[in-house]
Amino acid sequence: MSQDKPFIHPYIPNSAPGVKAEMLKECGVESVDEFFSDVPEELRLRGELQLPPPLPSEESLRRHLERILAKNRTCRENLSFLGGGCYQHQVPAVCDEINRRSEFLTAYAGEPYDDHGRFQALFETASLMGELLEMEMVNVPTYDGFQAAATAIRMAARMTGRPKALVARTVNPDKLSKIRDYALGAVEIMTIGFEGRTGELDLAELKKGLDQDTAAVYLDNPSFLGTIEGRGREIAEAAHRAGAEMVVGVDPTSLGVLTPPVRYGADIVCGDLQPLGMHLNFGGGQAGFIATRDEERYVMEYPSRLFGLAPTRVEGEYGFGDVAWERTSFALREKGREWVGTASALWGITAGVYLALMGPKGMAELGEGILQRSRYLALKLNQLAGVRAPALKGASFKEFVVDFRETGRRVAEINAELLERGIFGGLSLSPLFPELENCALYCVTEVHTQADLDGLAEALKEILG
């Protein structure tokens, strides 16, 4: 293409010189540069970006994108044992069918007069989550479980007026980073270690860290390492004695078999909705939840929307809408507790569809199946020479640590050879937890068959010799 001939994009009218000139004239400026006059000269890029030539045809663009996508290796053509925060679960077809319906897919915000049932659908999701969690108040979803955890801690800090939170070091390191970002300048985040044998929270360290400045104690149960914290009540009692709130992050798929956190003293419960009917989506497609008791001191600290129902003038008819709207950023704007968006509403509806399909019996069967499969795999791997599984002796759910230190092989090497066999091995823990050097986090869900588990064990046996 000639350098002196301008490129006019077929899809972008503004690329035509005549159109651009008319727009500049209408704005009363000579060039586009005038729009950026407030940007210091040293921050401006002078010269052309080193980009490949544009693809003007739709067919060329389609082929280009398909070539890029073909480089991906997904869980469809490979067997995956990766978890660490985003999980491969069975997604019933009806979940996709309903969340693609135009009345949900296009109702980005929506109000009672035009939301086509979105308010009711999210109210039903909150109700189903409340039943699963045994808590009365559940929010319209946050962007993800990371935000939900950070928001829950900020809620506790506002309620108590205290500046510090104690967070278990066994949370997802990425989640801890997000919590620190959210808390910056408002809440000091201090981590509490774990017992090397079991993976459970170090109670002595926790009690030493609790004081009159502690707003909250936060832990995940199950933890990032898959460990089930069996001393939740003791931890909650210690937190409450210090005047702090007990905040627990939970995997909703575990609640068909594990005790809901509220029963052992949790004040605020949060987590990620991704396991409830959402595909992996290359790490996208997340939504988080926060739940509390229906008490004003908790309700008024939620930054996110809460949907309730009320009778209308027509007997037997109900309407659905916001609870305590005045506390949200929609009403308070720049004085809001946090900014609130609607980007996760569609995933909240999806989670509601999933829970309605599963019901209490289905959630129990899901949890039981995951427990059985993960235990089976741990026992199979523990029979391999030099392998310890699970490496942590506390009870676990869905994920467990596998220790390869005595095999003489590095996790990275093992995973590379597994990948050659079409298997995604466990997440290497070496960069995240120095004390778990050359260990990997393996994840098992209901999608794995006995043949899958046996196949992994056999592949590792071959690799380790």
Protein backbone atom coordinates (compact mmCIF):
# COMPACT_ATOMS: atom_id res chain seq x y z
CA MET A 1 0.00 0.00 0.00
CA SER A 2 1.36 3.42 -0.97
CA GLN A 3 2.54 5.51 1.99
CA ASP A 4 1.01 8.70 0.54
CA LYS A 5 -2.38 7.11 -0.04
CA PRO A 6 -4.53 7.02 3.11
CA PHE A 7 -6.11 3.75 4.12
CA ILE A 8 -9.88 3.93 4.36
CA HIS A 9 -11.30 1.12 6.46
CA PRO A 10 -14.52 -0.37 5.08
CA TYR A 11 -16.07 -0.60 8.58
CA ILE A 12 -14.85 2.71 10.09
CA PRO A 13 -16.34 5.82 8.45
CA ASN A 14 -14.06 8.11 10.49
CA SER A 15 -11.06 6.75 8.56
CA ALA A 16 -12.14 8.59 5.41
CA PRO A 17 -10.17 11.89 5.21
CA GLY A 18 -13.22 13.89 4.19
CA VAL A 19 -15.31 12.61 7.10
CA LYS A 20 -12.45 13.21 9.55
CA ALA A 21 -12.00 16.78 8.25
CA GLU A 22 -15.70 17.53 8.68
CA MET A 23 -15.63 16.22 12.27
CA LEU A 24 -12.59 18.35 13.15
CA LYS A 25 -14.24 21.40 11.61
CA GLU A 26 -17.42 20.78 13.61
CA CYS A 27 -15.34 20.58 16.80
CA GLY A 28 -13.47 23.75 15.96
CA VAL A 29 -9.98 22.24 15.94
CA GLU A 30 -7.27 21.83 13.32
CA SER A 31 -6.03 18.35 14.23
CA VAL A 32 -6.66 15.39 16.48
CA ASP A 33 -3.59 16.36 18.52
CA GLU A 34 -5.49 19.32 19.96
CA PHE A 35 -7.75 16.91 21.85
CA PHE A 36 -4.68 15.69 23.77
CA SER A 37 -3.16 19.08 24.59
CA ASP A 38 -3.39 18.34 28.34
CA VAL A 39 -1.15 15.28 27.98
CA PRO A 40 2.51 16.21 28.67
CA GLU A 41 4.73 16.00 25.61
CA GLU A 42 7.05 13.43 27.22
CA LEU A 43 4.14 11.01 27.57
CA ARG A 44 3.11 11.19 23.93
CA LEU A 45 4.14 8.67 21.29
CA ARG A 46 5.55 10.31 18.21
CA GLY A 47 5.67 8.06 15.20
CA GLU A 48 3.73 5.08 13.95
CA LEU A 49 2.87 2.01 16.00
CA GLN A 50 4.64 -1.07 14.70
CA LEU A 51 1.51 -2.96 13.75
CA PRO A 52 0.84 -5.44 10.95
CA PRO A 53 -1.27 -4.18 8.03
CA PRO A 54 -5.04 -4.14 8.62
CA LEU A 55 -7.30 -6.92 7.43
CA PRO A 56 -10.00 -5.19 5.42
CA SER A 57 -12.11 -8.23 4.55
CA GLU A 58 -14.32 -10.13 6.95
CA GLU A 59 -13.10 -13.45 5.58
CA SER A 60 -9.44 -12.53 6.14
CA LEU A 61 -10.21 -11.47 9.69
CA ARG A 62 -12.09 -14.70 10.37
CA ARG A 63 -9.20 -16.84 9.09
CA HIS A 64 -6.69 -14.83 11.10
CA LEU A 65 -8.63 -15.27 14.34
CA GLU A 66 -9.21 -18.96 13.71
CA ARG A 67 -5.47 -19.50 13.25
CA ILE A 68 -4.82 -17.81 16.59
CA LEU A 69 -7.56 -19.78 18.36
CA ALA A 70 -6.22 -23.03 16.90
CA LYS A 71 -3.10 -22.57 19.03
CA ASN A 72 -5.12 -23.03 22.21
CA ARG A 73 -5.13 -26.38 23.92
CA THR A 74 -8.40 -26.75 25.79
CA CYS A 75 -10.09 -29.17 28.15
CA ARG A 76 -12.18 -30.49 25.28
CA GLU A 77 -9.30 -32.28 23.59
CA ASN A 78 -7.12 -32.70 26.70
CA LEU A 79 -7.69 -34.22 30.12
CA SER A 80 -7.32 -31.54 32.80
CA PHE A 81 -6.40 -31.75 36.47
CA LEU A 82 -5.85 -28.01 36.81
CA GLY A 83 -7.85 -25.99 39.32
CA GLY A 84 -6.47 -23.23 41.49
CA GLY A 85 -9.48 -20.92 41.30
CA CYS A 86 -11.24 -21.75 38.03
CA TYR A 87 -12.80 -25.19 37.66
CA GLN A 88 -14.02 -27.57 35.00
CA HIS A 89 -17.49 -28.69 36.03
CA GLN A 90 -20.36 -30.14 34.07
CA VAL A 91 -22.45 -27.31 32.61
CA PRO A 92 -26.02 -28.42 31.88
CA ALA A 93 -27.07 -27.36 28.37
CA VAL A 94 -30.06 -25.47 29.74
CA CYS A 95 -27.71 -23.05 31.56
CA ASP A 96 -26.31 -21.90 28.22
CA GLU A 97 -29.74 -21.93 26.60
CA ILE A 98 -31.26 -19.60 29.18
CA ASN A 99 -28.37 -17.17 29.59
CA ARG A 100 -28.36 -16.65 25.80
CA ARG A 101 -32.01 -15.66 25.69
CA SER A 102 -32.32 -12.11 24.40
CA GLU A 103 -34.39 -10.85 27.32
CA PHE A 104 -31.48 -11.70 29.66
CA LEU A 105 -28.52 -11.29 27.31
CA THR A 106 -29.47 -7.76 26.26
CA ALA A 107 -30.88 -6.50 29.58
CA TYR A 108 -27.57 -4.93 30.63
CA ALA A 109 -29.11 -2.78 33.35
CA GLY A 110 -32.89 -2.89 33.18
CA GLU A 111 -35.48 -1.52 35.54
CA PRO A 112 -38.84 -2.99 36.62
CA TYR A 113 -40.58 -1.60 33.54
CA ASP A 114 -38.19 -3.13 30.99
CA ASP A 115 -36.10 -5.84 32.62
CA HIS A 116 -38.14 -8.77 31.26
CA GLY A 117 -37.81 -10.82 34.43
CA ARG A 118 -34.15 -10.12 35.22
CA PHE A 119 -34.98 -8.80 38.69
CA GLN A 120 -37.02 -11.87 39.52
CA ALA A 121 -34.38 -14.22 38.12
CA LEU A 122 -31.69 -12.63 40.30
CA PHE A 123 -34.00 -12.67 43.30
CA GLU A 124 -34.46 -16.41 42.74
CA THR A 125 -30.68 -16.87 42.49
CA ALA A 126 -30.20 -15.03 45.79
CA SER A 127 -32.92 -17.16 47.38
CA LEU A 128 -31.34 -20.41 46.19
CA MET A 129 -27.91 -19.28 47.36
CA GLY A 130 -29.41 -18.29 50.70
CA GLU A 131 -30.83 -21.78 51.12
CA LEU A 132 -27.49 -23.37 50.21
CA LEU A 133 -25.58 -21.09 52.59
CA GLU A 134 -28.29 -21.02 55.29
CA MET A 135 -28.07 -17.23 55.31
CA GLU A 136 -30.84 -14.70 54.74
CA MET A 137 -29.19 -11.97 52.68
CA VAL A 138 -27.32 -12.60 49.41
CA ASN A 139 -26.23 -9.89 46.99
CA VAL A 140 -26.55 -9.46 43.25
CA PRO A 141 -23.21 -10.88 42.03
CA THR A 142 -19.91 -9.04 42.19
CA TYR A 143 -17.44 -9.38 39.33
CA ASP A 144 -15.78 -12.45 40.84
CA GLY A 145 -14.97 -14.22 44.09
CA PHE A 146 -11.81 -12.14 44.52
CA GLN A 147 -13.82 -8.94 44.63
CA ALA A 148 -16.39 -10.58 46.90
CA ALA A 149 -13.67 -11.47 49.43
CA ALA A 150 -12.11 -8.01 49.33
CA THR A 151 -15.51 -6.34 49.64
CA ALA A 152 -16.49 -8.57 52.59
CA ILE A 153 -13.33 -7.52 54.44
CA ARG A 154 -13.99 -3.86 53.70
CA MET A 155 -17.55 -4.30 55.00
CA ALA A 156 -16.19 -5.74 58.25
CA ALA A 157 -13.73 -2.86 58.59
CA ARG A 158 -16.49 -0.26 58.16
CA MET A 159 -18.73 -2.05 60.65
CA THR A 160 -16.09 -2.33 63.35
CA GLY A 161 -14.20 0.89 62.61
CA ARG A 162 -10.98 -1.10 62.85
CA PRO A 163 -7.97 -0.89 60.53
CA LYS A 164 -6.60 -4.46 60.31
CA ALA A 165 -7.62 -7.85 58.88
CA LEU A 166 -6.00 -11.24 59.43
CA VAL A 167 -6.06 -13.36 56.26
CA ALA A 168 -5.07 -17.02 56.04
CA ARG A 169 -2.00 -17.48 53.86
CA THR A 170 -3.68 -20.50 52.27
CA VAL A 171 -5.96 -18.29 50.19
CA ASN A 172 -5.36 -18.08 46.46
CA PRO A 173 -2.28 -15.83 46.06
CA ASP A 174 -4.04 -13.93 43.27
CA LYS A 175 -7.02 -13.38 45.57
CA LEU A 176 -4.69 -12.11 48.29
CA SER A 177 -3.25 -9.64 45.79
CA LYS A 178 -6.75 -8.41 44.95
CA ILE A 179 -7.62 -8.09 48.65
CA ARG A 180 -4.49 -5.99 49.21
CA ASP A 181 -5.41 -3.77 46.26
CA TYR A 182 -8.93 -3.19 47.57
CA ALA A 183 -7.75 -2.61 51.11
CA LEU A 184 -4.90 -0.25 50.23
CA GLY A 185 -5.03 2.84 52.38
CA ALA A 186 -7.98 1.61 54.41
CA VAL A 187 -7.24 -1.81 55.92
CA GLU A 188 -3.88 -3.34 56.77
CA ILE A 189 -3.75 -6.96 55.59
CA MET A 190 -1.72 -9.38 57.68
CA THR A 191 -1.36 -13.06 56.79
CA ILE A 192 -1.60 -16.03 59.15
CA GLY A 193 0.42 -19.15 58.39
CA PHE A 194 -0.67 -22.77 58.25
CA GLU A 195 0.38 -25.98 59.92
CA GLY A 196 2.79 -27.87 57.71
CA ARG A 197 1.34 -31.29 58.46
CA THR A 198 -2.37 -30.62 57.95
CA GLY A 199 -2.57 -27.39 55.96
CA GLU A 200 -5.01 -25.95 58.51
CA LEU A 201 -4.69 -22.46 59.99
CA ASP A 202 -2.01 -21.95 62.63
CA LEU A 203 -4.21 -21.21 65.66
CA ALA A 204 -1.35 -20.04 67.87
CA GLU A 205 -0.29 -17.48 65.27
CA LEU A 206 -3.90 -16.38 64.79
CA LYS A 207 -4.50 -15.79 68.50
CA LYS A 208 -1.23 -13.89 68.75
CA GLY A 209 -2.28 -11.61 65.87
CA LEU A 210 -5.78 -10.83 67.18
CA ASP A 211 -6.10 -7.51 69.02
CA GLN A 212 -8.35 -4.47 69.40
CA ASP A 213 -7.43 -3.29 65.87
CA THR A 214 -8.60 -6.48 64.14
CA ALA A 215 -11.69 -5.95 62.02
CA ALA A 216 -11.92 -9.41 60.48
CA VAL A 217 -10.43 -12.87 60.26
CA TYR A 218 -10.64 -14.24 56.72
CA LEU A 219 -10.09 -17.80 55.53
CA ASP A 220 -11.21 -20.00 52.64
CA ASN A 221 -12.82 -23.32 53.49
CA PRO A 222 -11.82 -25.38 51.56
CA SER A 223 -8.56 -23.50 51.21
CA PHE A 224 -6.64 -22.84 48.01
CA LEU A 225 -4.68 -26.00 48.83
CA GLY A 226 -7.91 -27.98 49.08
CA THR A 227 -7.71 -28.41 52.85
CA ILE A 228 -10.92 -28.43 54.86
CA GLU A 229 -10.59 -26.33 58.02
CA GLY A 230 -11.99 -28.52 60.79
CA ARG A 231 -11.60 -25.93 63.56
CA GLY A 232 -13.83 -23.24 62.16
CA ARG A 233 -15.80 -22.79 65.36
CA GLU A 234 -12.66 -22.32 67.44
CA ILE A 235 -11.37 -19.74 64.95
CA ALA A 236 -14.70 -17.88 64.92
CA GLU A 237 -14.88 -17.84 68.72
CA ALA A 238 -11.36 -16.40 68.92
CA ALA A 239 -12.28 -13.72 66.37
CA HIS A 240 -15.48 -12.81 68.21
CA ARG A 241 -13.72 -12.59 71.57
CA ALA A 242 -11.48 -9.96 70.00
CA GLY A 243 -14.50 -8.10 68.63
CA ALA A 244 -13.71 -9.04 65.01
CA GLU A 245 -15.97 -10.35 62.27
CA MET A 246 -15.49 -13.88 60.95
CA VAL A 247 -15.40 -13.91 57.13
CA VAL A 248 -15.28 -17.21 55.25
CA GLY A 249 -14.80 -17.83 51.54
CA VAL A 250 -16.46 -21.02 50.39
CA ASP A 251 -16.75 -23.16 47.27
CA PRO A 252 -20.51 -23.55 46.73
CA THR A 253 -20.06 -27.04 45.25
CA SER A 254 -18.82 -28.23 48.65
CA LEU A 255 -21.98 -27.25 50.52
CA GLY A 256 -23.90 -30.39 49.66
CA VAL A 257 -21.51 -32.31 51.92
CA LEU A 258 -19.76 -29.74 54.14
CA THR A 259 -21.22 -27.69 56.98
CA PRO A 260 -22.21 -24.16 55.87
CA PRO A 261 -19.86 -21.59 57.47
CA VAL A 262 -22.70 -19.87 59.34
CA ARG A 263 -23.04 -22.98 61.53
CA TYR A 264 -19.52 -22.60 62.87
CA GLY A 265 -19.73 -18.87 63.45
CA ALA A 266 -19.17 -17.06 60.14
CA ASP A 267 -20.66 -13.57 60.01
CA ILE A 268 -20.00 -12.90 56.32
CA VAL A 269 -19.69 -15.66 53.72
CA CYS A 270 -18.42 -15.09 50.18
CA GLY A 271 -17.13 -17.00 47.21
CA ASP A 272 -17.15 -17.53 43.47
CA LEU A 273 -20.17 -18.61 41.42
CA GLN A 274 -18.06 -19.95 38.54
CA PRO A 275 -18.51 -23.63 39.55
CA LEU A 276 -22.29 -23.23 39.24
CA GLY A 277 -22.98 -23.62 35.55
CA MET A 278 -20.18 -21.55 34.02
CA HIS A 279 -17.62 -22.78 31.52
CA LEU A 280 -13.92 -22.15 32.02
CA ASN A 281 -13.96 -19.52 29.22
CA PHE A 282 -10.16 -19.27 29.31
CA GLY A 283 -10.35 -17.80 32.82
CA GLY A 284 -13.28 -15.45 32.15
CA GLY A 285 -16.94 -15.72 33.03
CA GLN A 286 -16.70 -15.16 36.76
CA ALA A 287 -19.12 -13.86 39.36
CA GLY A 288 -18.90 -13.60 43.15
CA PHE A 289 -21.38 -13.63 46.00
CA ILE A 290 -21.58 -12.21 49.52
CA ALA A 291 -24.02 -13.44 52.17
CA THR A 292 -24.90 -12.32 55.71
CA ARG A 293 -27.67 -12.43 58.24
CA ASP A 294 -30.61 -10.11 57.57
CA GLU A 295 -29.52 -7.47 60.05
CA GLU A 296 -29.42 -3.76 59.28
CA ARG A 297 -25.79 -3.35 60.30
CA TYR A 298 -24.79 -5.86 57.59
CA VAL A 299 -27.35 -4.88 54.98
CA MET A 300 -26.38 -1.21 55.00
CA GLU A 301 -22.71 -2.04 54.42
CA TYR A 302 -23.28 -3.98 51.20
CA PRO A 303 -22.06 -1.85 48.31
CA SER A 304 -23.74 -4.14 45.78
CA ARG A 305 -27.40 -4.37 44.86
CA LEU A 306 -29.81 -6.51 46.86
CA PHE A 307 -33.06 -7.65 45.30
CA GLY A 308 -36.21 -8.31 47.28
CA LEU A 309 -39.90 -8.78 46.59
CA ALA A 310 -43.04 -6.99 47.74
CA PRO A 311 -46.78 -7.39 47.11
CA THR A 312 -48.40 -5.13 44.53
CA ARG A 313 -51.90 -3.66 44.52
CA VAL A 314 -53.08 -6.83 42.77
CA GLU A 315 -53.77 -9.57 45.31
CA GLY A 316 -51.39 -12.51 44.89
CA GLU A 317 -49.04 -10.54 42.64
CA TYR A 318 -45.46 -9.58 43.58
CA GLY A 319 -42.91 -7.12 42.30
CA PHE A 320 -39.13 -7.42 42.45
CA GLY A 321 -36.65 -4.64 43.03
CA ASP A 322 -33.84 -3.07 45.04
CA VAL A 323 -33.53 -3.26 48.81
CA ALA A 324 -32.06 -0.16 50.52
CA TRP A 325 -31.19 1.48 47.22
CA GLU A 326 -29.93 4.55 49.04
CA ARG A 327 -26.71 2.81 50.18
CA THR A 328 -25.51 1.95 46.64
CA SER A 329 -23.23 3.98 44.39
CA PHE A 330 -26.19 4.44 42.05
CA ALA A 331 -27.70 6.70 44.70
CA LEU A 332 -24.56 8.01 46.41
CA ARG A 333 -22.36 8.22 43.30
CA GLU A 334 -18.89 9.41 44.33
CA LYS A 335 -19.72 8.91 48.01
CA GLY A 336 -20.65 5.25 47.54
CA ARG A 337 -18.88 2.53 49.52
CA GLU A 338 -17.67 0.98 46.27
CA TRP A 339 -18.50 1.32 42.65
CA VAL A 340 -21.25 -1.09 41.59
CA GLY A 341 -21.76 -2.44 38.10
CA THR A 342 -24.04 -4.92 36.39
CA ALA A 343 -21.54 -6.92 34.36
CA SER A 344 -22.08 -10.14 36.35
CA ALA A 345 -25.88 -10.15 36.33
CA LEU A 346 -26.00 -12.68 33.51
CA TRP A 347 -23.76 -15.10 35.40
CA GLY A 348 -25.94 -14.71 38.47
CA ILE A 349 -28.94 -15.83 36.42
CA THR A 350 -26.88 -18.76 35.12
CA ALA A 351 -25.99 -19.84 38.65
CA GLY A 352 -29.68 -19.67 39.59
CA VAL A 353 -30.57 -21.97 36.69
CA TYR A 354 -27.88 -24.42 37.80
CA LEU A 355 -29.02 -24.49 41.42
CA ALA A 356 -32.67 -24.88 40.42
CA LEU A 357 -31.73 -27.87 38.26
CA MET A 358 -29.58 -29.52 40.94
CA GLY A 359 -31.70 -29.03 44.02
CA PRO A 360 -30.53 -30.19 47.47
CA LYS A 361 -30.18 -33.82 46.41
CA GLY A 362 -28.19 -32.93 43.33
CA MET A 363 -25.79 -30.73 45.29
CA ALA A 364 -25.27 -33.53 47.81
CA GLU A 365 -24.56 -36.03 45.04
CA LEU A 366 -22.17 -33.55 43.40
CA GLY A 367 -20.17 -33.10 46.59
CA GLU A 368 -20.10 -36.81 47.35
CA GLY A 369 -18.91 -37.60 43.84
CA ILE A 370 -16.09 -35.08 44.06
CA LEU A 371 -14.98 -36.39 47.46
CA GLN A 372 -14.95 -39.98 46.21
CA ARG A 373 -13.08 -39.21 43.01
CA SER A 374 -10.44 -37.03 44.64
CA ARG A 375 -9.81 -39.60 47.36
CA TYR A 376 -9.53 -42.37 44.78
CA LEU A 377 -6.95 -40.43 42.79
CA ALA A 378 -4.94 -39.52 45.88
CA LEU A 379 -4.71 -43.18 46.87
CA LYS A 380 -3.69 -44.18 43.33
CA LEU A 381 -0.96 -41.55 43.17
CA ASN A 382 0.30 -42.39 46.65
CA GLN A 383 1.17 -45.87 45.37
CA LEU A 384 3.73 -44.44 42.91
CA ALA A 385 7.37 -44.58 43.95
CA GLY A 386 8.53 -41.32 45.53
CA VAL A 387 5.08 -39.68 45.41
CA ARG A 388 3.15 -38.56 48.48
CA ALA A 389 -0.55 -37.86 48.01
CA PRO A 390 -2.14 -36.09 49.65
CA ALA A 391 0.96 -34.35 50.98
CA LEU A 392 -1.11 -32.49 53.59
CA LYS A 393 -2.86 -34.84 55.98
CA GLY A 394 -5.90 -32.70 56.69
CA ALA A 395 -9.18 -33.61 54.98
CA SER A 396 -9.58 -32.07 51.53
CA PHE A 397 -12.22 -31.29 48.92
CA LYS A 398 -11.79 -31.17 45.14
CA GLU A 399 -8.08 -30.31 45.29
CA PHE A 400 -5.12 -31.81 47.11
CA VAL A 401 -1.36 -31.37 47.19
CA VAL A 402 0.89 -33.99 45.56
CA ASP A 403 4.53 -34.09 46.66
CA PHE A 404 7.06 -35.10 43.95
CA ARG A 405 10.22 -34.21 45.89
CA GLU A 406 11.41 -37.78 46.38
CA THR A 407 11.00 -38.69 42.70
CA GLY A 408 13.96 -36.59 41.63
CA ARG A 409 11.81 -34.99 38.89
CA ARG A 410 10.63 -31.38 38.75
CA VAL A 411 6.93 -30.58 38.50
CA ALA A 412 7.57 -28.56 35.34
CA GLU A 413 9.27 -31.54 33.69
CA ILE A 414 6.49 -33.89 34.75
CA ASN A 415 3.81 -31.53 33.45
CA ALA A 416 5.61 -31.14 30.12
CA GLU A 417 5.60 -34.92 29.61
CA LEU A 418 1.97 -35.15 30.71
CA LEU A 419 1.08 -32.50 28.13
CA GLU A 420 2.68 -34.65 25.42
CA ARG A 421 0.13 -37.29 26.45
CA GLY A 422 -2.79 -34.86 26.28
CA ILE A 423 -3.00 -34.27 30.04
CA PHE A 424 -2.89 -30.97 31.93
CA GLY A 425 -1.03 -31.81 35.14
CA GLY A 426 -1.43 -30.13 38.51
CA LEU A 427 -0.57 -26.52 39.28
CA SER A 428 3.03 -26.09 40.42
CA LEU A 429 3.09 -24.68 43.95
CA SER A 430 6.81 -23.88 44.08
CA PRO A 431 6.46 -20.21 43.06
CA LEU A 432 3.51 -19.69 45.42
CA PHE A 433 4.44 -21.57 48.59
CA PRO A 434 8.20 -22.06 49.16
CA GLU A 435 7.52 -24.69 51.82
CA LEU A 436 5.76 -26.78 49.17
CA GLU A 437 8.73 -26.82 46.81
CA ASN A 438 8.25 -29.33 43.94
CA CYS A 439 4.65 -30.02 44.92
CA ALA A 440 1.61 -29.67 42.67
CA LEU A 441 -2.06 -28.97 43.28
CA TYR A 442 -4.31 -31.53 41.59
CA CYS A 443 -8.00 -30.92 41.02
CA VAL A 444 -10.73 -33.54 40.55
CA THR A 445 -14.38 -32.83 39.78
CA GLU A 446 -17.47 -34.74 38.71
CA VAL A 447 -16.36 -34.62 35.06
CA HIS A 448 -13.57 -37.13 35.72
CA THR A 449 -14.29 -40.80 35.16
CA GLN A 450 -12.47 -43.69 36.79
CA ALA A 451 -10.72 -44.27 33.45
CA ASP A 452 -9.49 -40.65 33.53
CA LEU A 453 -8.06 -41.08 37.02
CA ASP A 454 -6.47 -44.42 36.19
CA GLY A 455 -5.06 -42.93 32.99
CA LEU A 456 -3.34 -40.13 34.89
CA ALA A 457 -1.87 -42.57 37.41
CA GLU A 458 -0.57 -44.79 34.61
CA ALA A 459 0.91 -41.82 32.73
CA LEU A 460 2.72 -40.61 35.86
CA LYS A 461 4.01 -44.12 36.50
CA GLU A 462 5.55 -44.19 33.01
CA ILE A 463 7.02 -40.69 33.37
CA LEU A 464 8.53 -41.35 36.79
CA GLY A 465 9.92 -44.70 35.70
